[in-house]
Amino acid sequence: PIRINSFFRCSALNVAVGGSGSSQHCKGEAIDMDATKGVTNAQLFNYIKDNLEFDQLIWEYGTDKEPDWVHVSFTDRKANRGVILKAVKGKGYIHYN
């Protein structure tokens, strides 16, 4: 069980939310989601990591035990890279580990 927080974004919305100029959301290739009904975001992240094909999987902020939400992308235009990242807020910037 998941709740989709963000899927396709037009370029104006992507700018308004501070998205990357190359965001896969603008191509309809990415979603941001939250787990629901007794499942944690960490469990959702780990399930995707261990069982599904993806282009990018991002642990979005939160703590070392629980992300605030999970970002995942998939593309059929090229080979999915299987990139796993963790988004961390810095002083006025976002860093991806």
Protein backbone atom coordinates (compact mmCIF):
# COMPACT_ATOMS: atom_id res chain seq x y z
CA PRO A 1 0.00 0.00 0.00
CA ILE A 2 1.41 3.34 -1.10
CA ARG A 3 0.37 6.97 -1.52
CA ILE A 4 1.73 8.75 -4.61
CA ASN A 5 2.87 12.28 -3.68
CA SER A 6 4.32 13.30 -7.04
CA PHE A 7 4.33 11.76 -10.50
CA PHE A 8 4.35 13.74 -13.76
CA ARG A 9 5.33 17.40 -13.37
CA CYS A 10 5.07 20.03 -16.07
CA SER A 11 8.17 22.25 -16.24
CA ALA A 12 6.45 25.14 -14.39
CA LEU A 13 5.49 22.91 -11.47
CA ASN A 14 8.94 21.34 -11.43
CA VAL A 15 10.51 24.79 -11.11
CA ALA A 16 7.99 25.77 -8.40
CA VAL A 17 8.89 22.74 -6.25
CA GLY A 18 12.65 23.20 -6.81
CA GLY A 19 13.06 20.10 -8.98
CA SER A 20 16.12 19.43 -11.09
CA GLY A 21 16.06 20.66 -14.68
CA SER A 22 16.67 17.07 -15.77
CA SER A 23 14.05 15.57 -13.41
CA GLN A 24 12.54 12.31 -14.61
CA HIS A 25 9.25 13.57 -13.16
CA CYS A 26 9.02 15.87 -16.23
CA LYS A 27 9.09 12.79 -18.47
CA GLY A 28 6.58 10.82 -16.40
CA GLU A 29 9.33 8.37 -15.44
CA ALA A 30 9.48 9.00 -11.67
CA ILE A 31 7.24 8.92 -8.63
CA ASP A 32 7.61 10.06 -5.02
CA MET A 33 5.65 7.90 -2.62
CA ASP A 34 4.88 7.13 1.01
CA ALA A 35 4.11 3.76 2.49
CA THR A 36 0.76 3.34 4.26
CA LYS A 37 -1.20 0.77 6.29
CA GLY A 38 1.50 -0.50 8.62
CA VAL A 39 4.33 -0.52 6.10
CA THR A 40 7.22 1.90 6.62
CA ASN A 41 9.00 3.96 3.98
CA ALA A 42 12.19 2.06 4.84
CA GLN A 43 10.43 -1.24 4.12
CA LEU A 44 9.11 0.14 0.83
CA PHE A 45 12.59 1.39 -0.14
CA ASN A 46 14.20 -1.96 0.70
CA TYR A 47 11.53 -3.95 -1.13
CA ILE A 48 12.10 -1.95 -4.31
CA LYS A 49 15.91 -2.20 -3.90
CA ASP A 50 15.82 -5.97 -3.42
CA ASN A 51 13.04 -7.00 -5.83
CA LEU A 52 12.38 -4.53 -8.64
CA GLU A 53 14.18 -3.08 -11.63
CA PHE A 54 14.61 0.72 -11.44
CA ASP A 55 16.64 3.56 -12.88
CA GLN A 56 17.01 5.59 -9.66
CA LEU A 57 15.93 4.85 -6.11
CA ILE A 58 16.34 7.70 -3.63
CA TRP A 59 16.02 7.66 0.17
CA GLU A 60 14.59 11.17 0.51
CA TYR A 61 15.79 12.95 3.66
CA GLY A 62 14.42 11.65 6.97
CA THR A 63 16.76 9.73 9.26
CA ASP A 64 19.14 6.80 8.86
CA LYS A 65 16.24 4.53 9.86
CA GLU A 66 13.34 6.07 7.91
CA PRO A 67 13.17 8.29 4.81
CA ASP A 68 10.57 11.07 4.65
CA TRP A 69 9.46 9.55 1.32
CA VAL A 70 10.79 7.29 -1.45
CA HIS A 71 11.62 8.40 -4.99
CA VAL A 72 11.82 5.75 -7.71
CA SER A 73 12.18 6.06 -11.47
CA PHE A 74 11.98 3.64 -14.38
CA THR A 75 12.69 4.22 -18.01
CA ASP A 76 12.14 2.10 -21.09
CA ARG A 77 14.11 4.50 -23.31
CA LYS A 78 17.49 3.20 -22.13
CA ALA A 79 18.85 0.62 -19.76
CA ASN A 80 17.78 1.20 -16.16
CA ARG A 81 20.91 2.05 -14.18
CA GLY A 82 19.94 0.75 -10.72
CA VAL A 83 21.33 3.88 -9.04
CA ILE A 84 20.68 4.10 -5.29
CA LEU A 85 21.05 7.50 -3.59
CA LYS A 86 20.33 9.20 -0.28
CA ALA A 87 19.20 12.85 -0.31
CA VAL A 88 20.60 14.96 2.52
CA LYS A 89 19.80 18.60 3.21
CA GLY A 90 22.80 20.84 3.69
CA LYS A 91 23.06 24.55 4.42
CA GLY A 92 21.05 25.91 1.51
CA TYR A 93 21.59 22.92 -0.79
CA ILE A 94 20.70 19.27 -1.33
CA HIS A 95 23.41 16.63 -1.51
CA TYR A 96 23.00 13.10 -2.86
CA ASN A 97 25.18 10.35 -1.35
